[in-house]
Amino acid sequence: MVRLRKLETRPAIRRHTSRGSGILPPAINTEAWFIAVMLATGFLDSRSAMIIQKSPHGEVRKLELLVALLVFIMAACFFIEMSIVKPPSEEVIHGLFVPSLSGSGATGDTVALLGALVMPHNLFLHSALVLSRNTSSSVRGIKDACRFFLFESGIALFVALLINICIISVSGTVCNSRNLSPDDSAKCSDITLDSSSFLLRNVLGKNGAVVYGVALLACGISSTITGTYAGQYIMQGFLDIKMKQWLRNLMTRSIAIVPSLIVAIIGGSSGAGHLIIIASMILSVELPFALIPLLKFSSSSNKMGENKNSIYIIGFSWILGFIIIGINIYFLSSKLVGWILHNKLPIYTNVLIGIIMFPLMLLYISAVIYLTFRKDTVKFASRGELQAIETDKSKVANDSSNEENKEDLV
């Protein structure tokens, strides 16, 4: 997370407090916009799912390029805004390379950012997308597919990192400017999804909110598509559950849209912002259960053979994995202990909550340790064994065909 020491700001999502009856119509208008955007997201997501399932590979690429174009428009706006406001480069570099969790709620923001940037279900989706490419099953074809998809995923994550750097740097610089108007100063103290478009005012003027809304819509559609298809591949791969297309679309879209729609109707943009932060935290807490098996699988010579990770990738990946796990455990334990110590509930209620929650914390830590040190129980066949199996299959097929020919002659 980029931290600006002197220009530090926390663009956290807080509850919006009304300051008079004059703010009521904009609030109603904002909630209506959120509901309309979510309904539009559900409709466009369903249409895009049908396009992906029924269109050839080239049409799918066009849809991917369209969503990427909308996201890149948003990124370009923040890059231009960053060049205009000129945040102090030494502070940005310091925040990038010197870890720090100062400020109230910084750990929670970091956990949410990890969950939003590295979503655990997308790890399974990446594997499924590699299999969906038109590549040969030869050794060279497998290596080419892995290398090309490594570049594709790496570029996507790197662009996401740059966008996060720009957003945090721009918000920190703009909100600490001496020429900030009282209206913008109030927005900085309570930045929400619908009010943060003022950060692009220097680039787009009054049209900043429109472009910002279009980019948010594109991000919502792409996120819903990836989440839906990741769930589909997981259900088919792990559980062997297959549904009809209309039933799968109805279930997945209802699970994704209905809770968000209810929160938007009741809590407005502030409630939707809280929901995003909580969902991102949950994704980060779940990340070790997808990351650890992936690291063990891709680093195992029994399973990957010649395609296993190099020693440098193994060491670097496990170090990053342990850092993520440590941040999650620290966040969960500190948040739970702090909440129990500072809430206003009766003592017996806090004791009951502790009796329930602390064993769950130990269960979480034990599950992570078990996944980390669990021995491999499945050994995949080597290349020579696979060739021998294919040879045996061909011999069996030839023998059966010869027997059928003999029977026909008789």
Protein backbone atom coordinates (compact mmCIF):
# COMPACT_ATOMS: atom_id res chain seq x y z
CA MET A 1 0.00 0.00 0.00
CA VAL A 2 1.31 3.42 -0.92
CA ARG A 3 1.60 5.58 2.16
CA LEU A 4 2.17 9.33 1.98
CA ARG A 5 3.78 10.29 5.28
CA LYS A 6 3.11 14.01 5.28
CA LEU A 7 0.22 13.84 2.86
CA GLU A 8 -1.34 10.80 4.42
CA THR A 9 -5.02 10.16 3.92
CA ARG A 10 -7.27 7.22 4.60
CA PRO A 11 -9.91 6.96 1.89
CA ALA A 12 -11.85 4.47 3.95
CA ILE A 13 -15.55 3.97 3.52
CA ARG A 14 -17.41 5.43 6.47
CA ARG A 15 -21.06 5.93 7.18
CA HIS A 16 -22.37 9.08 5.58
CA THR A 17 -23.95 11.49 8.07
CA SER A 18 -26.55 13.89 6.79
CA ARG A 19 -26.04 17.55 7.62
CA GLY A 20 -29.50 18.79 6.87
CA SER A 21 -32.62 18.19 4.84
CA GLY A 22 -31.05 19.70 1.75
CA ILE A 23 -28.89 16.62 1.26
CA LEU A 24 -31.83 14.24 1.08
CA PRO A 25 -32.65 14.50 -2.66
CA PRO A 26 -29.03 13.83 -3.74
CA ALA A 27 -28.94 10.87 -1.37
CA ILE A 28 -32.11 9.44 -2.89
CA ASN A 29 -30.71 10.08 -6.35
CA THR A 30 -27.47 8.30 -5.42
CA GLU A 31 -29.31 5.23 -4.16
CA ALA A 32 -31.37 5.16 -7.35
CA TRP A 33 -28.18 5.31 -9.40
CA PHE A 34 -26.67 2.44 -7.40
CA ILE A 35 -29.77 0.31 -7.92
CA ALA A 36 -29.81 1.11 -11.64
CA VAL A 37 -26.11 0.32 -11.98
CA MET A 38 -26.50 -3.03 -10.21
CA LEU A 39 -29.48 -4.00 -12.35
CA ALA A 40 -27.56 -2.99 -15.45
CA THR A 41 -24.58 -5.01 -14.24
CA GLY A 42 -26.75 -8.09 -13.79
CA PHE A 43 -28.32 -7.71 -17.23
CA LEU A 44 -25.04 -7.03 -19.05
CA ASP A 45 -23.31 -9.81 -17.14
CA SER A 46 -25.98 -12.32 -18.21
CA ARG A 47 -25.70 -11.18 -21.82
CA SER A 48 -21.91 -11.36 -21.71
CA ALA A 49 -22.08 -14.87 -20.24
CA MET A 50 -24.24 -15.98 -23.16
CA ILE A 51 -21.80 -14.36 -25.59
CA ILE A 52 -18.86 -16.16 -24.01
CA GLN A 53 -20.59 -19.53 -24.03
CA LYS A 54 -21.95 -19.34 -27.59
CA SER A 55 -19.37 -17.30 -29.47
CA PRO A 56 -16.11 -18.47 -31.04
CA HIS A 57 -12.74 -17.69 -29.51
CA GLY A 58 -12.32 -14.46 -31.48
CA GLU A 59 -15.60 -13.00 -30.18
CA VAL A 60 -14.57 -13.75 -26.61
CA ARG A 61 -11.36 -11.85 -27.20
CA LYS A 62 -13.36 -8.86 -28.43
CA LEU A 63 -15.38 -8.85 -25.20
CA GLU A 64 -12.18 -9.06 -23.14
CA LEU A 65 -10.68 -6.16 -25.08
CA LEU A 66 -13.85 -4.07 -24.57
CA VAL A 67 -13.78 -4.47 -20.79
CA ALA A 68 -10.02 -3.89 -20.73
CA LEU A 69 -10.48 -0.70 -22.77
CA LEU A 70 -12.97 0.72 -20.27
CA VAL A 71 -10.67 -0.08 -17.36
CA PHE A 72 -7.69 1.43 -19.16
CA ILE A 73 -9.70 4.64 -19.70
CA MET A 74 -10.10 4.88 -15.94
CA ALA A 75 -6.40 4.16 -15.43
CA ALA A 76 -5.40 6.80 -18.00
CA CYS A 77 -7.53 9.43 -16.24
CA PHE A 78 -5.80 8.78 -12.92
CA PHE A 79 -2.37 8.77 -14.58
CA ILE A 80 -3.09 12.18 -16.12
CA GLU A 81 -4.47 13.46 -12.80
CA MET A 82 -1.34 12.20 -11.07
CA SER A 83 0.83 14.17 -13.50
CA ILE A 84 -1.23 17.31 -12.78
CA VAL A 85 -1.33 17.17 -8.98
CA LYS A 86 2.32 15.97 -8.81
CA PRO A 87 2.49 13.96 -5.55
CA PRO A 88 5.95 14.00 -3.91
CA SER A 89 7.85 11.19 -5.60
CA GLU A 90 10.08 10.48 -2.60
CA GLU A 91 7.01 9.87 -0.42
CA VAL A 92 5.44 7.57 -3.02
CA ILE A 93 8.65 5.53 -3.38
CA HIS A 94 9.03 5.38 0.40
CA GLY A 95 5.49 4.11 0.78
CA LEU A 96 6.06 1.48 -1.92
CA PHE A 97 9.25 -0.08 -0.58
CA VAL A 98 9.15 0.61 3.17
CA PRO A 99 6.36 -1.45 4.80
CA SER A 100 4.25 0.49 7.27
CA LEU A 101 0.83 0.02 8.85
CA SER A 102 0.39 3.35 10.63
CA GLY A 103 -2.98 4.87 11.28
CA SER A 104 -6.28 3.55 12.51
CA GLY A 105 -7.59 0.68 10.40
CA ALA A 106 -4.46 0.43 8.22
CA THR A 107 -4.26 -3.35 8.70
CA GLY A 108 -7.87 -3.78 7.63
CA ASP A 109 -7.28 -1.65 4.53
CA THR A 110 -4.23 -3.75 3.66
CA VAL A 111 -6.14 -7.01 4.07
CA ALA A 112 -8.99 -5.67 1.94
CA LEU A 113 -6.55 -4.51 -0.74
CA LEU A 114 -4.92 -7.95 -0.84
CA GLY A 115 -8.29 -9.64 -1.22
CA ALA A 116 -9.36 -7.24 -3.96
CA LEU A 117 -6.09 -7.54 -5.90
CA VAL A 118 -5.38 -11.28 -5.55
CA MET A 119 -8.79 -12.95 -5.45
CA PRO A 120 -8.48 -16.63 -4.45
CA HIS A 121 -11.12 -17.88 -6.88
CA ASN A 122 -9.25 -16.30 -9.78
CA LEU A 123 -6.34 -18.67 -9.13
CA PHE A 124 -8.60 -21.53 -10.23
CA LEU A 125 -9.95 -19.45 -13.10
CA HIS A 126 -6.41 -18.87 -14.43
CA SER A 127 -5.84 -22.63 -14.62
CA ALA A 128 -9.14 -23.14 -16.40
CA LEU A 129 -8.37 -20.39 -18.91
CA VAL A 130 -5.01 -22.00 -19.73
CA LEU A 131 -6.86 -25.22 -20.57
CA SER A 132 -9.37 -23.29 -22.71
CA ARG A 133 -6.67 -21.96 -25.06
CA ASN A 134 -6.07 -23.71 -28.36
CA THR A 135 -2.69 -25.21 -27.51
CA SER A 136 -1.15 -28.58 -28.27
CA SER A 137 -0.66 -31.18 -25.55
CA SER A 138 3.03 -31.60 -26.33
CA VAL A 139 5.76 -30.59 -23.90
CA ARG A 140 6.56 -27.48 -25.95
CA GLY A 141 2.87 -26.58 -26.24
CA ILE A 142 2.38 -26.84 -22.47
CA LYS A 143 5.41 -24.65 -21.80
CA ASP A 144 4.29 -22.06 -24.35
CA ALA A 145 0.77 -21.93 -22.85
CA CYS A 146 2.13 -21.48 -19.32
CA ARG A 147 4.59 -18.80 -20.44
CA PHE A 148 2.05 -16.79 -22.44
CA PHE A 149 -0.52 -16.92 -19.66
CA LEU A 150 2.15 -15.91 -17.15
CA PHE A 151 2.72 -12.77 -19.20
CA GLU A 152 -1.02 -12.12 -19.48
CA SER A 153 -1.68 -12.50 -15.74
CA GLY A 154 1.48 -10.59 -14.82
CA ILE A 155 0.53 -7.63 -17.00
CA ALA A 156 -2.99 -7.57 -15.54
CA LEU A 157 -1.73 -7.61 -11.93
CA PHE A 158 0.95 -5.01 -12.70
CA VAL A 159 -1.61 -2.66 -14.24
CA ALA A 160 -3.85 -3.18 -11.19
CA LEU A 161 -0.90 -2.27 -8.95
CA LEU A 162 -0.24 0.92 -10.94
CA ILE A 163 -3.91 1.90 -10.75
CA ASN A 164 -3.91 1.43 -6.96
CA ILE A 165 -0.74 3.51 -6.65
CA CYS A 166 -2.28 6.31 -8.71
CA ILE A 167 -5.58 6.30 -6.82
CA ILE A 168 -3.93 6.43 -3.38
CA SER A 169 -1.34 9.02 -4.46
CA VAL A 170 -3.92 11.26 -6.12
CA SER A 171 -6.34 11.05 -3.20
CA GLY A 172 -3.57 11.76 -0.69
CA THR A 173 -2.30 14.77 -2.64
CA VAL A 174 -5.68 16.28 -3.53
CA CYS A 175 -7.17 15.86 -0.07
CA ASN A 176 -4.16 17.54 1.56
CA SER A 177 -4.02 20.46 -0.83
CA ARG A 178 -4.15 23.94 0.68
CA ASN A 179 -6.46 25.19 -2.08
CA LEU A 180 -9.14 22.60 -1.34
CA SER A 181 -12.69 23.95 -1.30
CA PRO A 182 -14.91 23.31 1.75
CA ASP A 183 -17.13 21.01 -0.31
CA ASP A 184 -14.20 18.90 -1.50
CA SER A 185 -12.74 18.91 2.01
CA ALA A 186 -15.97 17.39 3.32
CA LYS A 187 -15.80 14.76 0.59
CA CYS A 188 -12.22 13.92 1.55
CA SER A 189 -13.26 13.25 5.13
CA ASP A 190 -15.85 10.74 3.90
CA ILE A 191 -14.84 9.39 0.48
CA THR A 192 -17.43 6.99 -0.90
CA LEU A 193 -17.93 5.32 -4.26
CA ASP A 194 -20.22 8.07 -5.54
CA SER A 195 -18.22 11.03 -4.21
CA SER A 196 -14.68 10.04 -5.25
CA SER A 197 -15.24 11.15 -8.85
CA PHE A 198 -14.22 14.70 -7.83
CA LEU A 199 -10.60 13.44 -7.86
CA LEU A 200 -10.78 13.45 -11.69
CA ARG A 201 -12.13 16.97 -11.98
CA ASN A 202 -8.82 18.43 -13.15
CA VAL A 203 -8.77 16.04 -16.13
CA LEU A 204 -12.41 15.62 -17.15
CA GLY A 205 -14.18 18.57 -15.55
CA LYS A 206 -17.90 18.00 -15.07
CA ASN A 207 -17.75 14.80 -17.14
CA GLY A 208 -15.55 13.10 -14.54
CA ALA A 209 -18.50 11.52 -12.76
CA VAL A 210 -19.83 10.01 -16.02
CA VAL A 211 -16.51 8.44 -17.01
CA TYR A 212 -15.95 7.26 -13.44
CA GLY A 213 -19.39 5.62 -13.40
CA VAL A 214 -18.78 3.88 -16.74
CA ALA A 215 -15.45 2.55 -15.49
CA LEU A 216 -17.06 1.28 -12.27
CA LEU A 217 -19.74 -0.45 -14.35
CA ALA A 218 -17.06 -2.12 -16.47
CA CYS A 219 -15.18 -3.24 -13.35
CA GLY A 220 -18.37 -4.63 -11.85
CA ILE A 221 -19.20 -6.58 -15.00
CA SER A 222 -15.70 -8.04 -15.31
CA SER A 223 -15.59 -8.98 -11.61
CA THR A 224 -18.98 -10.67 -11.77
CA ILE A 225 -18.01 -12.58 -14.91
CA THR A 226 -14.76 -13.86 -13.39
CA GLY A 227 -16.41 -14.81 -10.10
CA THR A 228 -19.23 -16.64 -11.85
CA TYR A 229 -16.97 -18.62 -14.14
CA ALA A 230 -14.51 -19.42 -11.36
CA GLY A 231 -17.39 -20.89 -9.35
CA GLN A 232 -18.54 -22.83 -12.39
CA TYR A 233 -15.11 -24.37 -13.00
CA ILE A 234 -14.68 -25.19 -9.30
CA MET A 235 -18.08 -26.91 -9.15
CA GLN A 236 -17.33 -28.90 -12.29
CA GLY A 237 -13.73 -29.75 -11.38
CA PHE A 238 -13.91 -30.53 -7.66
CA LEU A 239 -17.53 -31.55 -7.15
CA ASP A 240 -18.43 -32.73 -10.68
CA ILE A 241 -21.68 -30.74 -10.46
CA LYS A 242 -23.12 -29.75 -13.82
CA MET A 243 -26.26 -27.67 -14.27
CA LYS A 244 -28.30 -26.39 -17.14
CA GLN A 245 -27.17 -23.02 -18.43
CA TRP A 246 -30.31 -21.09 -17.45
CA LEU A 247 -30.33 -22.57 -13.93
CA ARG A 248 -26.63 -21.85 -13.38
CA ASN A 249 -27.03 -18.27 -14.62
CA LEU A 250 -30.08 -17.74 -12.40
CA MET A 251 -28.38 -19.08 -9.27
CA THR A 252 -25.02 -17.37 -9.71
CA ARG A 253 -26.47 -13.99 -10.70
CA SER A 254 -28.99 -14.10 -7.86
CA ILE A 255 -26.26 -14.87 -5.33
CA ALA A 256 -24.09 -12.06 -6.72
CA ILE A 257 -26.69 -9.34 -7.33
CA VAL A 258 -29.48 -9.79 -4.75
CA PRO A 259 -27.41 -9.19 -1.55
CA SER A 260 -25.69 -6.18 -3.12
CA LEU A 261 -29.03 -4.82 -4.29
CA ILE A 262 -30.56 -5.16 -0.80
CA VAL A 263 -27.57 -3.41 0.80
CA ALA A 264 -27.70 -0.61 -1.79
CA ILE A 265 -31.43 -0.06 -1.19
CA ILE A 266 -31.08 -0.01 2.61
CA GLY A 267 -27.65 1.55 3.12
CA GLY A 268 -27.10 3.47 -0.12
CA SER A 269 -23.60 4.06 -1.45
CA SER A 270 -22.08 3.96 2.03
CA GLY A 271 -23.58 0.53 2.70
CA ALA A 272 -22.34 -0.70 -0.67
CA GLY A 273 -18.87 0.59 0.18
CA HIS A 274 -18.89 -1.24 3.51
CA LEU A 275 -20.00 -4.41 1.72
CA ILE A 276 -17.09 -4.14 -0.72
CA ILE A 277 -14.56 -3.73 2.12
CA ILE A 278 -16.00 -6.67 4.09
CA ALA A 279 -16.10 -8.90 1.00
CA SER A 280 -12.49 -8.03 0.18
CA MET A 281 -11.42 -8.88 3.74
CA ILE A 282 -13.18 -12.24 3.51
CA LEU A 283 -11.42 -12.96 0.20
CA SER A 284 -8.06 -12.18 1.77
CA VAL A 285 -8.76 -14.48 4.74
CA GLU A 286 -9.69 -17.25 2.29
CA LEU A 287 -6.60 -16.68 0.14
CA PRO A 288 -4.26 -19.14 1.98
CA PHE A 289 -6.64 -22.04 1.26
CA ALA A 290 -6.20 -21.48 -2.48
CA LEU A 291 -2.62 -20.19 -2.43
CA ILE A 292 -0.95 -22.93 -0.37
CA PRO A 293 -2.26 -25.89 -2.47
CA LEU A 294 -1.30 -23.98 -5.62
CA LEU A 295 2.26 -23.40 -4.39
CA LYS A 296 2.66 -27.01 -3.26
CA PHE A 297 1.19 -28.39 -6.48
CA SER A 298 3.24 -26.21 -8.84
CA SER A 299 6.45 -26.82 -6.84
CA SER A 300 6.09 -30.61 -6.70
CA SER A 301 8.25 -32.67 -9.05
CA ASN A 302 5.89 -35.63 -8.57
CA LYS A 303 2.99 -33.68 -10.06
CA MET A 304 4.63 -31.19 -12.42
CA GLY A 305 7.75 -33.07 -13.51
CA GLU A 306 9.94 -30.85 -15.69
CA ASN A 307 7.40 -28.00 -15.49
CA LYS A 308 7.70 -27.43 -11.75
CA ASN A 309 8.70 -24.03 -10.38
CA SER A 310 12.36 -23.12 -10.13
CA ILE A 311 14.01 -22.87 -6.72
CA TYR A 312 13.95 -19.06 -6.92
CA ILE A 313 10.22 -18.91 -7.68
CA ILE A 314 9.52 -21.44 -4.92
CA GLY A 315 11.43 -19.42 -2.31
CA PHE A 316 10.01 -16.05 -3.36
CA SER A 317 6.43 -17.38 -3.57
CA TRP A 318 6.53 -19.01 -0.15
CA ILE A 319 7.97 -15.86 1.45
CA LEU A 320 5.12 -13.79 -0.01
CA GLY A 321 2.62 -16.46 1.02
CA PHE A 322 3.81 -16.45 4.64
CA ILE A 323 3.67 -12.65 4.72
CA ILE A 324 0.05 -12.72 3.53
CA ILE A 325 -0.84 -15.42 6.06
CA GLY A 326 0.87 -13.48 8.86
CA ILE A 327 -1.03 -10.29 8.01
CA ASN A 328 -4.33 -12.19 7.98
CA ILE A 329 -3.69 -13.86 11.34
CA TYR A 330 -2.55 -10.58 12.90
CA PHE A 331 -5.62 -8.78 11.56
CA LEU A 332 -8.09 -11.41 12.75
CA SER A 333 -6.58 -11.77 16.23
CA SER A 334 -6.05 -8.03 16.84
CA LYS A 335 -9.50 -7.16 15.51
CA LEU A 336 -11.19 -9.78 17.67
CA VAL A 337 -9.28 -8.88 20.85
CA GLY A 338 -9.76 -5.14 20.30
CA TRP A 339 -13.47 -5.53 19.69
CA ILE A 340 -13.96 -7.67 22.82
CA LEU A 341 -12.01 -5.22 25.00
CA HIS A 342 -13.67 -2.03 23.77
CA ASN A 343 -17.29 -2.96 23.13
CA LYS A 344 -20.06 -2.11 25.58
CA LEU A 345 -21.59 -5.56 25.83
CA PRO A 346 -22.00 -7.32 29.19
CA ILE A 347 -19.05 -9.32 30.49
CA TYR A 348 -20.79 -12.69 30.18
CA THR A 349 -21.62 -11.91 26.53
CA ASN A 350 -17.97 -11.12 25.78
CA VAL A 351 -16.91 -14.34 27.51
CA LEU A 352 -19.37 -16.32 25.39
CA ILE A 353 -18.13 -14.63 22.21
CA GLY A 354 -14.54 -15.39 23.18
CA ILE A 355 -15.37 -19.04 23.88
CA ILE A 356 -16.85 -19.33 20.39
CA MET A 357 -14.45 -17.19 18.36
CA PHE A 358 -11.03 -18.13 19.78
CA PRO A 359 -11.44 -21.86 18.97
CA LEU A 360 -12.43 -20.81 15.45
CA MET A 361 -9.24 -18.76 15.25
CA LEU A 362 -7.21 -21.78 16.37
CA LEU A 363 -9.05 -23.91 13.81
CA TYR A 364 -8.13 -21.41 11.08
CA ILE A 365 -4.45 -21.41 12.08
CA SER A 366 -4.43 -25.21 12.39
CA ALA A 367 -5.95 -25.60 8.93
CA VAL A 368 -3.29 -23.32 7.42
CA ILE A 369 -0.51 -25.27 9.17
CA TYR A 370 -2.02 -28.59 8.04
CA LEU A 371 -2.17 -27.45 4.41
CA THR A 372 1.41 -26.20 4.58
CA PHE A 373 3.01 -29.36 6.00
CA ARG A 374 0.67 -32.00 4.58
CA LYS A 375 2.56 -34.65 2.60
CA ASP A 376 1.74 -35.38 -1.01
CA THR A 377 -0.40 -38.49 -1.35
CA VAL A 378 -0.95 -38.48 -5.11
CA LYS A 379 1.87 -39.12 -7.57
CA PHE A 380 1.26 -38.20 -11.17
CA ALA A 381 2.64 -40.32 -13.97
CA SER A 382 5.90 -39.24 -15.58
CA ARG A 383 6.30 -38.59 -19.29
CA GLY A 384 7.71 -42.09 -19.90
CA GLU A 385 4.86 -43.67 -17.96
CA LEU A 386 2.32 -41.65 -19.95
CA GLN A 387 3.91 -42.78 -23.22
CA ALA A 388 3.82 -46.39 -22.03
CA ILE A 389 0.14 -46.01 -21.12
CA GLU A 390 -0.64 -44.54 -24.55
CA THR A 391 1.28 -47.41 -26.21
CA ASP A 392 -0.66 -49.99 -24.20
CA LYS A 393 -3.94 -48.29 -25.15
CA SER A 394 -3.03 -48.35 -28.84
CA LYS A 395 -2.05 -52.02 -28.61
CA VAL A 396 -5.35 -52.87 -26.93
CA ALA A 397 -7.24 -50.92 -29.60
CA ASN A 398 -5.36 -52.71 -32.40
CA ASP A 399 -5.93 -56.12 -30.82
CA SER A 400 -9.65 -55.43 -30.45
CA SER A 401 -9.92 -54.28 -34.06
CA ASN A 402 -8.07 -57.40 -35.25
CA GLU A 403 -10.42 -59.60 -33.26
CA GLU A 404 -13.42 -57.85 -34.83
CA ASN A 405 -11.96 -58.36 -38.30
CA LYS A 406 -11.45 -62.07 -37.60
CA GLU A 407 -15.04 -62.40 -36.43
CA ASP A 408 -16.24 -60.69 -39.61
CA LEU A 409 -14.22 -63.12 -41.73
CA VAL A 410 -15.65 -66.09 -39.85
